[in-house]
Amino acid sequence: MFHLHSSLNYYLYPFPVDMRKSFYTLGGIVTNSMGQDVRDGGVFIFINRGQSIMKILHMEYAGMVIYYKKLESGRFKLPAFDENTNSLTINWQDLVSIIQSVKPTVKQLKKKGL
């Protein structure tokens, strides 16, 4: 069941994350880099370097959950942020906007030689 909604607190990690990371290593980023505790019920959003993969870490009543979104093409459009921040607080609408406002990538066609 999808348990994300507008009354939760959302935190975007502004640096690229290796998407091989899972529950405990993402939880370590939450604790050590973002200064938060994943058990407090916040929703933590991580994006890879190419901005084509998103992982969302959330502690629910029965345990931790990771939501995973991988784009077939395009990139997530992230909000502007101060480069000195370790966490960007956003709201539900911001998260929805990031997911829905995917920037398409333009693939260059290779010219065939005659």
N, C-alpha and C. Protein backbone atom coordinates (compact mmCIF):
# COMPACT_ATOMS: atom_id res chain seq x y z
N MET A 1 0.84 -1.18 0.00
CA MET A 1 0.00 0.00 0.00
C MET A 1 0.89 1.24 0.00
N PHE A 2 0.51 2.23 -0.74
CA PHE A 2 1.26 3.48 -0.85
C PHE A 2 0.84 4.39 0.30
N HIS A 3 1.77 4.72 1.19
CA HIS A 3 1.43 5.48 2.39
C HIS A 3 2.02 6.88 2.42
N LEU A 4 2.27 7.48 1.29
CA LEU A 4 2.77 8.85 1.26
C LEU A 4 1.60 9.79 1.02
N HIS A 5 1.60 10.91 1.75
CA HIS A 5 0.50 11.87 1.64
C HIS A 5 0.97 13.25 2.08
N SER A 6 0.11 14.21 1.98
CA SER A 6 0.49 15.62 2.19
C SER A 6 0.80 15.99 3.64
N SER A 7 0.44 15.18 4.61
CA SER A 7 0.70 15.56 6.01
C SER A 7 2.07 15.11 6.51
N LEU A 8 2.87 14.47 5.66
CA LEU A 8 4.21 14.03 6.06
C LEU A 8 5.24 15.12 5.76
N ASN A 9 6.41 15.01 6.39
CA ASN A 9 7.53 15.91 6.13
C ASN A 9 8.44 15.24 5.09
N TYR A 10 8.83 16.00 4.06
CA TYR A 10 9.64 15.48 2.96
C TYR A 10 10.99 16.19 2.93
N TYR A 11 12.06 15.39 2.75
CA TYR A 11 13.42 15.91 2.73
C TYR A 11 14.14 15.36 1.51
N LEU A 12 14.63 16.26 0.67
CA LEU A 12 15.37 15.89 -0.52
C LEU A 12 16.86 16.00 -0.23
N TYR A 13 17.59 14.92 -0.44
CA TYR A 13 19.04 14.95 -0.31
C TYR A 13 19.60 15.55 -1.59
N PRO A 14 20.33 16.67 -1.51
CA PRO A 14 20.68 17.42 -2.73
C PRO A 14 21.90 16.90 -3.50
N PHE A 15 22.50 15.81 -3.04
CA PHE A 15 23.69 15.30 -3.71
C PHE A 15 23.39 13.97 -4.39
N PRO A 16 24.10 13.62 -5.46
CA PRO A 16 23.87 12.34 -6.13
C PRO A 16 24.14 11.16 -5.18
N VAL A 17 23.32 10.14 -5.31
CA VAL A 17 23.45 8.95 -4.47
C VAL A 17 23.61 7.72 -5.36
N ASP A 18 24.49 6.83 -4.95
CA ASP A 18 24.67 5.54 -5.62
C ASP A 18 23.41 4.72 -5.37
N MET A 19 22.70 4.38 -6.43
CA MET A 19 21.41 3.70 -6.29
C MET A 19 21.54 2.22 -5.91
N ARG A 20 22.75 1.74 -5.70
CA ARG A 20 22.92 0.39 -5.15
C ARG A 20 22.67 0.39 -3.64
N LYS A 21 22.64 1.58 -3.05
CA LYS A 21 22.40 1.69 -1.60
C LYS A 21 20.97 1.25 -1.29
N SER A 22 20.81 0.65 -0.11
CA SER A 22 19.50 0.17 0.28
C SER A 22 19.12 0.73 1.65
N PHE A 23 18.31 0.03 2.40
CA PHE A 23 17.70 0.53 3.63
C PHE A 23 18.71 1.13 4.61
N TYR A 24 19.70 0.36 5.00
CA TYR A 24 20.58 0.81 6.07
C TYR A 24 21.60 1.85 5.61
N THR A 25 22.08 1.74 4.38
CA THR A 25 23.03 2.75 3.91
C THR A 25 22.33 4.06 3.59
N LEU A 26 21.11 4.01 3.07
CA LEU A 26 20.34 5.25 2.90
C LEU A 26 19.98 5.83 4.26
N GLY A 27 19.64 4.97 5.21
CA GLY A 27 19.37 5.42 6.58
C GLY A 27 20.60 6.08 7.20
N GLY A 28 21.78 5.59 6.85
CA GLY A 28 23.02 6.22 7.32
C GLY A 28 23.20 7.61 6.76
N ILE A 29 22.82 7.83 5.51
CA ILE A 29 22.87 9.18 4.92
C ILE A 29 21.90 10.09 5.66
N VAL A 30 20.71 9.56 5.95
CA VAL A 30 19.71 10.36 6.68
C VAL A 30 20.28 10.80 8.02
N THR A 31 20.90 9.89 8.74
CA THR A 31 21.43 10.20 10.08
C THR A 31 22.69 11.06 10.01
N ASN A 32 23.68 10.62 9.24
CA ASN A 32 24.99 11.26 9.26
C ASN A 32 25.10 12.52 8.42
N SER A 33 24.42 12.58 7.29
CA SER A 33 24.55 13.74 6.41
C SER A 33 23.39 14.72 6.52
N MET A 34 22.18 14.18 6.71
CA MET A 34 21.01 15.05 6.74
C MET A 34 20.63 15.48 8.15
N GLY A 35 21.22 14.84 9.17
CA GLY A 35 20.94 15.21 10.55
C GLY A 35 19.53 14.88 11.00
N GLN A 36 18.94 13.84 10.43
CA GLN A 36 17.57 13.43 10.75
C GLN A 36 17.58 12.00 11.29
N ASP A 37 16.44 11.55 11.76
CA ASP A 37 16.27 10.17 12.20
C ASP A 37 15.14 9.57 11.37
N VAL A 38 15.44 8.54 10.61
CA VAL A 38 14.45 7.93 9.72
C VAL A 38 13.25 7.39 10.51
N ARG A 39 13.44 7.07 11.77
CA ARG A 39 12.36 6.54 12.60
C ARG A 39 11.35 7.60 13.02
N ASP A 40 11.65 8.87 12.76
CA ASP A 40 10.73 9.95 13.14
C ASP A 40 9.57 10.11 12.15
N GLY A 41 9.54 9.33 11.08
CA GLY A 41 8.42 9.35 10.16
C GLY A 41 8.57 10.25 8.95
N GLY A 42 9.73 10.88 8.80
CA GLY A 42 9.96 11.72 7.62
C GLY A 42 10.12 10.87 6.37
N VAL A 43 10.01 11.51 5.23
CA VAL A 43 10.17 10.86 3.93
C VAL A 43 11.44 11.43 3.31
N PHE A 44 12.37 10.56 2.94
CA PHE A 44 13.69 10.98 2.48
C PHE A 44 13.87 10.57 1.02
N ILE A 45 14.20 11.57 0.19
CA ILE A 45 14.24 11.40 -1.26
C ILE A 45 15.68 11.48 -1.73
N PHE A 46 16.08 10.51 -2.54
CA PHE A 46 17.44 10.43 -3.07
C PHE A 46 17.37 10.29 -4.59
N ILE A 47 18.29 10.95 -5.28
CA ILE A 47 18.34 10.96 -6.74
C ILE A 47 19.76 10.56 -7.17
N ASN A 48 19.88 9.83 -8.27
CA ASN A 48 21.21 9.47 -8.77
C ASN A 48 21.84 10.63 -9.54
N ARG A 49 23.09 10.45 -9.93
CA ARG A 49 23.84 11.51 -10.63
C ARG A 49 23.17 11.94 -11.93
N GLY A 50 22.64 11.00 -12.68
CA GLY A 50 21.99 11.32 -13.95
C GLY A 50 20.56 11.82 -13.80
N GLN A 51 20.08 11.90 -12.58
CA GLN A 51 18.72 12.37 -12.26
C GLN A 51 17.64 11.57 -12.99
N SER A 52 17.91 10.28 -13.17
CA SER A 52 16.94 9.41 -13.84
C SER A 52 16.38 8.34 -12.91
N ILE A 53 16.92 8.24 -11.71
CA ILE A 53 16.46 7.26 -10.73
C ILE A 53 16.21 7.96 -9.40
N MET A 54 15.08 7.63 -8.78
CA MET A 54 14.72 8.19 -7.49
C MET A 54 14.41 7.06 -6.52
N LYS A 55 14.93 7.17 -5.31
CA LYS A 55 14.55 6.28 -4.22
C LYS A 55 13.98 7.13 -3.10
N ILE A 56 12.90 6.65 -2.52
CA ILE A 56 12.27 7.34 -1.40
C ILE A 56 12.26 6.38 -0.22
N LEU A 57 12.86 6.79 0.88
CA LEU A 57 12.94 5.98 2.10
C LEU A 57 11.96 6.53 3.12
N HIS A 58 11.15 5.63 3.69
CA HIS A 58 10.14 6.05 4.66
C HIS A 58 9.92 4.95 5.68
N MET A 59 9.86 5.33 6.96
CA MET A 59 9.55 4.38 8.02
C MET A 59 8.05 4.37 8.21
N GLU A 60 7.43 3.22 7.98
CA GLU A 60 6.00 3.06 8.18
C GLU A 60 5.77 2.25 9.45
N TYR A 61 4.52 1.99 9.79
CA TYR A 61 4.20 1.32 11.04
C TYR A 61 4.80 -0.08 11.15
N ALA A 62 5.00 -0.77 10.04
CA ALA A 62 5.52 -2.13 10.08
C ALA A 62 7.01 -2.22 9.76
N GLY A 63 7.63 -1.13 9.36
CA GLY A 63 9.05 -1.14 9.03
C GLY A 63 9.37 -0.15 7.92
N MET A 64 10.63 -0.18 7.49
CA MET A 64 11.08 0.75 6.46
C MET A 64 10.62 0.29 5.08
N VAL A 65 10.32 1.28 4.23
CA VAL A 65 9.88 1.04 2.86
C VAL A 65 10.74 1.88 1.93
N ILE A 66 11.10 1.31 0.79
CA ILE A 66 11.77 2.07 -0.27
C ILE A 66 10.85 2.06 -1.49
N TYR A 67 10.53 3.26 -1.97
CA TYR A 67 9.83 3.42 -3.24
C TYR A 67 10.91 3.73 -4.27
N TYR A 68 10.82 3.14 -5.44
CA TYR A 68 11.87 3.24 -6.45
C TYR A 68 11.24 3.64 -7.78
N LYS A 69 11.77 4.68 -8.41
CA LYS A 69 11.28 5.12 -9.72
C LYS A 69 12.46 5.27 -10.65
N LYS A 70 12.42 4.57 -11.78
CA LYS A 70 13.47 4.64 -12.79
C LYS A 70 12.83 5.11 -14.09
N LEU A 71 13.31 6.22 -14.60
CA LEU A 71 12.78 6.77 -15.85
C LEU A 71 13.36 6.03 -17.05
N GLU A 72 12.52 5.77 -18.03
CA GLU A 72 12.99 5.17 -19.27
C GLU A 72 13.79 6.20 -20.07
N SER A 73 13.38 7.45 -20.01
CA SER A 73 14.10 8.54 -20.66
C SER A 73 13.79 9.82 -19.90
N GLY A 74 14.62 10.81 -20.07
CA GLY A 74 14.43 12.08 -19.39
C GLY A 74 15.10 12.12 -18.02
N ARG A 75 14.90 13.25 -17.34
CA ARG A 75 15.50 13.49 -16.03
C ARG A 75 14.47 14.14 -15.13
N PHE A 76 14.59 13.89 -13.83
CA PHE A 76 13.75 14.58 -12.86
C PHE A 76 14.18 16.04 -12.81
N LYS A 77 13.23 16.94 -12.74
CA LYS A 77 13.53 18.37 -12.63
C LYS A 77 13.51 18.72 -11.15
N LEU A 78 14.68 18.96 -10.59
CA LEU A 78 14.81 19.23 -9.16
C LEU A 78 14.66 20.71 -8.87
N PRO A 79 14.16 21.06 -7.69
CA PRO A 79 14.05 22.47 -7.33
C PRO A 79 15.44 23.07 -7.09
N ALA A 80 15.54 24.38 -7.23
CA ALA A 80 16.80 25.07 -6.95
C ALA A 80 17.07 25.00 -5.45
N PHE A 81 18.36 24.89 -5.10
CA PHE A 81 18.72 24.82 -3.69
C PHE A 81 20.11 25.41 -3.48
N ASP A 82 20.39 25.78 -2.25
CA ASP A 82 21.69 26.31 -1.85
C ASP A 82 22.68 25.15 -1.82
N GLU A 83 23.82 25.31 -2.47
CA GLU A 83 24.81 24.23 -2.55
C GLU A 83 25.41 23.86 -1.21
N ASN A 84 25.21 24.68 -0.19
CA ASN A 84 25.78 24.40 1.13
C ASN A 84 24.82 23.65 2.04
N THR A 85 23.67 23.28 1.54
CA THR A 85 22.69 22.59 2.37
C THR A 85 22.87 21.07 2.27
N ASN A 86 22.57 20.37 3.35
CA ASN A 86 22.64 18.91 3.37
C ASN A 86 21.27 18.27 3.23
N SER A 87 20.23 19.08 3.26
CA SER A 87 18.87 18.57 3.15
C SER A 87 17.96 19.71 2.72
N LEU A 88 17.09 19.42 1.80
CA LEU A 88 16.14 20.42 1.31
C LEU A 88 14.74 19.98 1.74
N THR A 89 14.09 20.78 2.56
CA THR A 89 12.74 20.46 2.99
C THR A 89 11.76 20.85 1.89
N ILE A 90 10.96 19.88 1.47
CA ILE A 90 9.96 20.13 0.44
C ILE A 90 8.61 19.64 0.96
N ASN A 91 7.56 19.88 0.19
CA ASN A 91 6.24 19.38 0.60
C ASN A 91 5.74 18.36 -0.42
N TRP A 92 4.57 17.81 -0.16
CA TRP A 92 3.97 16.79 -1.02
C TRP A 92 3.84 17.28 -2.47
N GLN A 93 3.38 18.52 -2.65
CA GLN A 93 3.21 19.06 -3.99
C GLN A 93 4.54 19.18 -4.72
N ASP A 94 5.61 19.51 -3.99
CA ASP A 94 6.94 19.58 -4.60
C ASP A 94 7.37 18.21 -5.12
N LEU A 95 7.13 17.17 -4.30
CA LEU A 95 7.49 15.81 -4.72
C LEU A 95 6.70 15.41 -5.97
N VAL A 96 5.42 15.67 -5.97
CA VAL A 96 4.59 15.36 -7.13
C VAL A 96 5.09 16.12 -8.36
N SER A 97 5.46 17.37 -8.17
CA SER A 97 5.98 18.18 -9.28
C SER A 97 7.28 17.60 -9.83
N ILE A 98 8.17 17.16 -8.94
CA ILE A 98 9.43 16.55 -9.38
C ILE A 98 9.15 15.33 -10.23
N ILE A 99 8.21 14.51 -9.81
CA ILE A 99 7.90 13.27 -10.52
C ILE A 99 7.19 13.55 -11.83
N GLN A 100 6.31 14.54 -11.86
CA GLN A 100 5.54 14.83 -13.07
C GLN A 100 6.26 15.73 -14.06
N SER A 101 7.23 16.51 -13.60
CA SER A 101 7.91 17.47 -14.47
C SER A 101 9.23 16.90 -14.97
N VAL A 102 9.17 15.77 -15.59
CA VAL A 102 10.37 15.13 -16.12
C VAL A 102 10.83 15.90 -17.35
N LYS A 103 12.13 16.26 -17.35
CA LYS A 103 12.71 16.94 -18.51
C LYS A 103 13.10 15.88 -19.54
N PRO A 104 12.53 15.96 -20.73
CA PRO A 104 12.89 14.96 -21.75
C PRO A 104 14.32 15.15 -22.22
N THR A 105 14.97 14.05 -22.54
CA THR A 105 16.31 14.15 -23.11
C THR A 105 16.19 14.02 -24.61
N VAL A 106 16.98 14.80 -25.30
CA VAL A 106 16.97 14.78 -26.76
C VAL A 106 18.12 13.89 -27.20
N LYS A 107 17.77 12.82 -27.88
CA LYS A 107 18.80 11.92 -28.39
C LYS A 107 19.24 12.40 -29.76
N GLN A 108 20.55 12.45 -29.95
CA GLN A 108 21.08 12.88 -31.24
C GLN A 108 21.13 11.67 -32.17
N LEU A 109 20.64 11.88 -33.36
CA LEU A 109 20.69 10.81 -34.36
C LEU A 109 22.06 10.83 -35.03
N LYS A 110 22.60 9.65 -35.22
CA LYS A 110 23.89 9.54 -35.91
C LYS A 110 23.64 9.63 -37.41
N LYS A 111 24.47 10.42 -38.06
CA LYS A 111 24.34 10.55 -39.52
C LYS A 111 24.98 9.35 -40.19
N LYS A 112 24.29 8.83 -41.16
CA LYS A 112 24.83 7.71 -41.92
C LYS A 112 25.68 8.25 -43.06
N GLY A 113 26.84 7.68 -43.16
CA GLY A 113 27.74 8.07 -44.25
C GLY A 113 27.33 7.43 -45.57
N LEU A 114 27.50 8.14 -46.64
CA LEU A 114 27.15 7.60 -47.96
C LEU A 114 28.37 7.07 -48.64
